[in-house]
Protein backbone atom coordinates (compact mmCIF):
# COMPACT_ATOMS: atom_id res chain seq x y z
CA MET A 1 0.17 0.02 0.26
CA ASN A 2 1.10 3.32 0.37
CA VAL A 3 2.53 3.85 2.96
CA ALA A 4 5.84 5.19 4.91
CA GLN A 5 8.89 3.13 4.31
CA PRO A 6 10.03 0.84 7.28
CA THR A 7 12.35 2.60 9.97
CA MET A 8 15.77 1.91 10.01
CA ASN A 9 17.54 -0.13 11.92
CA HIS A 10 20.78 1.17 13.49
CA ASN A 11 21.38 -2.34 15.64
CA ILE A 12 21.04 -5.05 13.11
CA GLU A 13 24.75 -6.77 14.53
CA CYS A 14 22.96 -7.34 16.97
CA TRP A 15 20.72 -9.89 15.42
CA THR A 16 22.95 -11.55 12.80
CA PHE A 17 23.49 -15.11 11.85
CA THR A 18 26.74 -16.72 10.53
CA ILE A 19 27.13 -20.06 8.72
CA PRO A 20 30.17 -21.19 7.88
CA LEU A 21 30.56 -21.83 4.06
CA ALA A 22 30.89 -25.76 3.46
CA LEU A 23 32.60 -27.22 0.56
CA SER A 24 29.34 -28.35 -0.63
CA ALA A 25 28.52 -24.77 -1.05
CA HIS A 26 31.79 -23.84 -2.93
CA SER A 27 30.74 -27.03 -5.04
CA ARG A 28 27.38 -26.28 -6.48
CA ALA A 29 28.93 -22.49 -6.99
CA GLU A 30 32.06 -23.73 -8.72
CA GLN A 31 29.44 -25.72 -10.89
CA PHE A 32 27.00 -22.62 -11.78
CA ARG A 33 29.89 -20.84 -12.27
CA GLY A 34 31.45 -23.16 -15.03
CA TYR A 35 28.31 -22.68 -16.86
CA GLN A 36 29.13 -19.32 -17.29
CA SER A 37 31.75 -17.95 -20.29
CA ASN A 38 32.04 -14.44 -19.31
CA PRO A 39 33.96 -14.18 -16.33
CA GLN A 40 32.32 -11.72 -14.61
CA LYS A 41 28.74 -12.71 -15.12
CA ALA A 42 30.66 -16.11 -13.12
CA LYS A 43 32.17 -14.43 -10.40
CA GLN A 44 28.44 -13.15 -9.70
CA VAL A 45 26.68 -16.06 -10.29
CA TYR A 46 29.26 -17.39 -7.47
CA LEU A 47 29.00 -15.06 -5.08
CA ASN A 48 24.84 -15.31 -5.27
CA THR A 49 24.83 -19.14 -4.87
CA LEU A 50 27.24 -18.51 -1.82
CA ALA A 51 24.05 -16.36 -0.07
CA VAL A 52 21.71 -18.39 -1.58
CA TYR A 53 23.56 -21.20 0.24
CA ALA A 54 23.51 -19.30 3.51
CA VAL A 55 19.83 -18.16 3.47
CA ASN A 56 18.80 -21.73 2.74
CA VAL A 57 20.47 -23.25 6.16
CA TYR A 58 19.26 -20.21 7.98
CA LEU A 59 15.46 -21.01 6.71
CA GLN A 60 16.13 -24.52 7.60
CA CYS A 61 17.25 -24.25 10.61
CA ARG A 62 14.37 -22.36 11.75
CA GLY A 63 12.23 -25.08 10.42
CA PHE A 64 11.22 -23.58 7.01
CA GLU A 65 10.50 -25.67 3.85
CA THR A 66 12.69 -24.54 0.93
CA ASP A 67 13.15 -25.62 -2.75
CA TRP A 68 16.12 -24.49 -4.51
CA GLU A 69 15.53 -26.45 -7.13
CA LYS A 70 12.25 -24.62 -8.06
CA SER A 71 14.06 -21.01 -7.98
CA ASP A 72 15.79 -18.91 -10.92
CA SER A 73 19.05 -19.28 -9.18
CA CYS A 74 19.58 -23.02 -9.27
CA ASN A 75 18.61 -22.51 -13.57
CA PRO A 76 21.85 -22.10 -15.24
CA ALA A 77 19.97 -20.23 -18.38
CA MET A 78 18.25 -17.90 -15.88
CA GLN A 79 21.57 -16.88 -14.20
CA ALA A 80 23.07 -16.10 -17.15
CA LEU A 81 19.85 -13.92 -18.00
CA MET A 82 19.20 -12.34 -15.25
CA ASP A 83 21.31 -11.10 -11.87
CA VAL A 84 19.11 -13.55 -9.49
CA ALA A 85 19.95 -15.10 -6.11
CA ASP A 86 16.40 -16.32 -5.35
CA LEU A 87 15.64 -18.99 -2.64
CA MET A 88 11.45 -20.33 -2.86
CA VAL A 89 10.19 -20.77 0.14
CA GLU A 90 7.74 -23.15 0.65
CA ASN A 91 4.33 -22.01 0.65
CA ARG A 92 5.35 -18.51 0.40
CA GLY A 93 7.18 -17.49 -2.71
CA LYS A 94 10.98 -16.48 -3.42
CA LEU A 95 13.02 -14.89 -0.85
CA GLU A 96 16.10 -13.13 -2.69
CA CYS A 97 19.18 -13.25 -1.04
CA ARG A 98 21.87 -10.59 -1.96
CA PRO A 99 25.51 -10.81 -1.77
CA VAL A 100 27.59 -8.16 0.30
CA LEU A 101 30.88 -7.68 -0.18
CA PRO A 102 33.22 -6.70 2.79
CA ASN A 103 33.09 -3.53 4.46
CA ALA A 104 30.75 -2.38 2.39
CA GLU A 105 27.74 0.14 3.67
CA ILE A 106 24.92 -0.83 0.35
CA VAL A 107 23.39 -3.93 -0.41
CA CYS A 108 23.12 -3.89 -4.52
CA ILE A 109 19.32 -5.17 -5.43
CA PRO A 110 19.05 -5.13 -9.23
CA ALA A 111 15.52 -3.71 -10.74
CA GLU A 112 15.12 -7.01 -13.00
CA VAL A 113 14.28 -8.65 -8.86
CA TRP A 114 12.14 -6.08 -7.50
CA GLU A 115 8.59 -7.88 -8.59
CA GLN A 116 7.40 -11.25 -7.19
CA ARG A 117 9.64 -11.39 -3.78
CA ILE A 118 8.46 -11.64 -0.25
CA GLY A 119 11.62 -10.19 0.64
CA TYR A 120 15.14 -9.41 0.59
CA VAL A 121 17.87 -10.54 2.45
CA ALA A 122 21.52 -9.16 2.90
CA VAL A 123 24.52 -11.86 3.09
CA GLN A 124 27.71 -10.15 4.04
CA LEU A 125 30.44 -12.84 2.99
CA SER A 126 33.78 -12.99 4.40
CA GLU A 127 37.00 -11.73 2.68
CA SER A 128 37.94 -15.66 2.51
CA LEU A 129 34.70 -16.64 1.50
CA ARG A 130 34.36 -18.76 3.90
CA GLU A 131 31.75 -17.59 6.17
CA ALA A 132 28.41 -15.88 5.39
CA THR A 133 26.89 -13.82 8.09
CA LEU A 134 22.83 -12.83 7.28
CA LEU A 135 22.38 -9.06 8.26
CA GLY A 136 19.04 -8.68 8.09
CA PHE A 137 16.52 -8.07 5.37
CA VAL A 138 13.96 -5.73 3.75
CA LYS A 139 9.93 -6.50 2.45
CA LYS A 140 10.12 -4.56 -0.63
CA VAL A 141 12.69 -2.18 -2.19
CA THR A 142 12.69 1.24 -4.88
CA SER A 143 16.56 1.24 -5.13
CA GLU A 144 19.14 -0.52 -6.52
CA GLU A 145 21.10 0.50 -3.54
CA LEU A 146 20.22 -0.35 -0.07
CA PRO A 147 22.17 1.23 2.52
CA LEU A 148 22.29 -1.71 5.26
CA ASN A 149 21.51 1.02 8.27
CA GLN A 150 17.67 0.49 6.59
CA LEU A 151 17.63 -3.14 6.97
CA ARG A 152 15.19 -4.56 9.57
CA SER A 153 16.31 -7.04 12.64
CA LEU A 154 16.92 -10.76 11.38
CA GLU A 155 14.82 -11.49 14.22
CA GLU A 156 11.48 -10.22 12.38
CA LEU A 157 11.89 -12.41 9.09
CA PRO A 158 10.52 -15.64 10.66
CA ARG A 159 7.18 -13.65 11.83
CA HIS A 160 7.57 -11.73 8.31
CA LEU A 161 7.55 -15.58 6.57
CA ASN A 162 4.60 -16.74 8.91
CA GLN A 163 2.30 -14.01 7.86
CA ILE A 164 3.07 -14.54 4.59
CA ARG A 165 1.95 -18.04 4.61
CA SER A 166 -1.66 -16.82 6.46
CA ALA A 167 -2.34 -13.82 3.78
CA ILE A 168 -4.89 -14.24 0.72
CA ASP A 169 -2.99 -14.12 -2.32
CA LEU A 170 -5.07 -11.28 -4.13
CA SER A 171 -3.39 -11.62 -7.03
CA LYS A 172 -4.67 -15.26 -7.90
CA TRP A 173 -8.14 -14.09 -7.78
CA PHE A 174 -7.41 -12.19 -11.28
CA GLU A 175 -6.80 -16.22 -12.19
CA ASN A 176 -10.43 -16.93 -10.72
CA ILE A 177 -8.53 -18.94 -8.33
CA PHE A 178 -9.92 -18.76 -4.52
CA ALA A 179 -9.32 -20.15 -1.31
CA ALA A 180 -12.06 -20.96 0.36
CA PRO A 181 -14.05 -19.40 2.91
CA TRP A 182 -14.43 -16.49 0.09
CA GLN A 183 -17.25 -17.28 -1.92
CA ALA A 184 -19.32 -15.65 -4.57
CA LEU A 185 -21.33 -12.61 -3.31
CA ASP A 186 -24.90 -14.77 -3.88
CA ALA A 187 -23.29 -17.34 -1.35
CA VAL A 188 -23.73 -14.91 1.60
CA LEU A 189 -25.85 -12.10 1.16
CA ASN A 190 -29.55 -11.34 0.18
CA PRO A 191 -30.47 -11.05 -3.63
CA LYS A 192 -31.21 -7.38 -3.32
CA ALA A 193 -27.82 -6.42 -1.45
CA THR A 194 -26.00 -8.75 -4.45
CA GLN A 195 -27.68 -6.74 -7.27
CA LEU A 196 -26.20 -3.61 -5.32
CA ALA A 197 -22.66 -4.38 -5.13
CA PHE A 198 -23.16 -5.66 -8.83
CA SER A 199 -24.35 -2.33 -10.17
CA PHE A 200 -21.52 -0.60 -9.31
CA ARG A 201 -18.99 -3.52 -10.58
CA LYS A 202 -15.76 -1.92 -12.43
CA ALA A 203 -14.58 -3.25 -15.67
CA GLN A 204 -13.07 -6.72 -15.14
CA GLU A 205 -13.60 -6.22 -10.89
CA VAL A 206 -13.14 -9.26 -8.97
CA LYS A 207 -15.27 -9.43 -5.75
CA ARG A 208 -15.78 -11.99 -3.19
CA CYS A 209 -17.35 -12.51 0.00
CA LYS A 210 -16.83 -14.37 3.55
CA LEU A 211 -19.08 -14.31 6.57
CA ILE A 212 -16.95 -12.97 9.82
CA GLU A 213 -18.64 -14.21 13.11
CA LEU A 214 -18.68 -11.27 15.56
CA GLY A 215 -17.81 -13.91 18.45
CA THR A 216 -21.47 -13.93 19.78
CA PRO A 217 -24.26 -16.67 18.44
CA ASN A 218 -26.08 -15.29 15.51
CA GLN A 219 -24.30 -12.17 15.43
CA ALA A 220 -22.15 -12.20 12.07
CA VAL A 221 -21.45 -9.94 9.12
CA ALA A 222 -20.34 -10.17 5.36
CA MET A 223 -16.91 -9.01 4.33
CA ILE A 224 -17.01 -8.13 0.57
CA VAL A 225 -13.72 -7.37 -0.97
CA ALA A 226 -13.35 -6.24 -4.53
CA ILE A 227 -10.02 -5.54 -6.47
CA SER A 228 -9.49 -4.05 -9.98
CA GLN A 229 -6.23 -3.50 -12.18
CA ALA A 230 -5.80 0.10 -11.86
CA SER A 231 -2.63 0.43 -13.94
CA GLU A 232 0.11 -2.03 -14.67
CA VAL A 233 1.80 -1.38 -11.02
CA GLU A 234 -1.45 -0.48 -9.12
CA ILE A 235 -4.39 -2.31 -7.77
CA ASP A 236 -7.82 -0.27 -6.47
CA ILE A 237 -9.34 -2.60 -3.62
CA SER A 238 -12.05 -1.87 -1.93
CA VAL A 239 -13.39 -3.26 1.59
CA GLU A 240 -17.09 -3.65 2.40
CA VAL A 241 -19.21 -4.83 5.34
CA GLN A 242 -22.78 -5.53 5.00
CA PRO A 243 -25.06 -7.75 7.20
CA PRO A 244 -25.38 -11.33 6.18
CA GLN A 245 -28.72 -13.20 4.88
CA GLY A 246 -31.54 -12.21 7.30
CA GLN A 247 -30.47 -9.03 8.60
CA THR A 248 -30.84 -5.43 7.64
CA TYR A 249 -28.44 -3.57 9.35
CA LEU A 250 -25.08 -3.08 10.71
CA PRO A 251 -24.31 -3.74 14.50
CA SER A 252 -23.96 -0.17 16.05
CA ASN A 253 -20.11 0.73 16.50
CA LEU A 254 -18.72 -2.05 14.09
CA GLN A 255 -15.54 -0.93 12.96
CA LEU A 256 -13.62 -1.45 9.66
CA MET A 257 -9.82 -0.82 9.65
CA VAL A 258 -7.07 -1.31 7.34
CA LEU A 259 -3.88 -2.29 8.87
CA ASP A 260 -0.65 -1.69 7.13
CA GLU A 261 2.49 -4.54 7.09
CA ASN A 262 3.37 -2.88 10.29
CA ALA A 263 -0.04 -3.51 11.57
CA GLU A 264 -0.85 0.35 11.88
CA THR A 265 -4.04 1.52 11.00
CA VAL A 266 -3.86 3.72 7.76
CA ILE A 267 -7.92 4.15 7.28
CA ASP A 268 -11.22 3.12 9.08
CA THR A 269 -14.80 3.97 9.83
CA HIS A 270 -17.70 2.54 11.78
CA ALA A 271 -21.11 2.00 11.77
CA GLY A 272 -23.89 3.81 13.10
CA SER A 273 -27.38 3.08 14.46
CA ASP A 274 -28.74 2.13 10.96
CA ASN A 275 -26.00 1.32 8.60
CA GLN A 276 -26.35 -1.40 5.84
CA SER A 277 -22.68 -1.29 5.09
CA ILE A 278 -19.74 0.18 5.67
CA GLN A 279 -16.95 0.67 3.25
CA LEU A 280 -13.09 1.67 2.67
CA GLU A 281 -11.10 1.91 -0.53
CA PHE A 282 -7.39 2.38 -1.47
CA SER A 283 -5.06 0.93 -3.46
CA GLY A 284 -1.57 -0.52 -3.56
CA GLU A 285 1.05 -2.83 -5.52
CA PRO A 286 1.98 -5.96 -6.36
CA GLY A 287 3.91 -7.51 -3.25
CA ASP A 288 2.07 -5.01 -0.59
CA HIS A 289 0.69 -6.98 2.51
CA PHE A 290 -2.13 -5.38 4.56
CA SER A 291 -4.48 -6.56 7.11
CA VAL A 292 -8.82 -5.83 7.49
CA LYS A 293 -9.65 -5.80 10.60
CA VAL A 294 -13.66 -5.80 12.11
CA VAL A 295 -13.83 -4.51 15.72
CA LEU A 296 -17.15 -4.88 17.76
CA GLY A 297 -16.49 -3.99 21.25
CA SER A 298 -13.82 -6.28 22.41
CA PHE A 299 -13.75 -8.37 20.30
CA SER A 300 -11.71 -7.95 16.86
CA ILE A 301 -10.77 -10.27 13.94
CA ALA A 302 -8.21 -9.34 11.26
CA GLU A 303 -7.73 -10.88 8.04
CA ASN A 304 -4.20 -10.73 5.85
CA PHE A 305 -3.83 -9.75 2.34
CA VAL A 306 -1.10 -9.87 0.00
CA ILE A 307 -1.41 -8.06 -3.53
């Protein structure tokens, strides 16, 4: 979403992870280097491979399943075409693992890997290439040179990856792929409300609906999420809450909130005594994470999304 960048972290050295680069790491790096005829490209592939190896070891130590074989960084053809150092994390996506040279103050992240990534990890290689130290990570990048003092703490990476696993991938909706229990509107809403929702439908807009239980027997609301392609790099998103079938009004003082990836409230609204719906609209870009939160009194529930 269009929100502020993460706060600088000046204490990343407190949360690093150093990994010995075993013979198997160098053997694989040497194998991939051998596929490249250009010396500069061969060196790039070698260092990228060591960085991916280090992140792979770290994630497996933390209990995450990875599949290096499904990554572009394991494909000699893709290595030749791109400066790529990705690692597939099962059920989550690709994590980019960027090598950092000794004494460097920045990590280089080429523009060709700014999309279709769930994060970017900076990996500092020792001068002897015998050790690799994971310095920290960022969720998104917009520049090819990222100062190391802007990295988020490595301590936060497992939580970030776990949040992604539970997130609804809205990009799949454009392909008509929907995860349960998100349903067609007429499965949750009454016919009149369904007709009203479709009357305001935009071109190529996709809508799905989910019943949200409010913690009290027989009390629920229907959450409607609609997405449409505003431009090549921007998605328009609408979140609406309506009464389900058999009800006319929303509970009084029901709150609807949109939170950014740092769990900070970006926009919010609430229902009055006779509201039949409340709605929030905003825009985002591919890779953005956000949550939609419904609050009624002491009860709250959040749905996590990724664009």
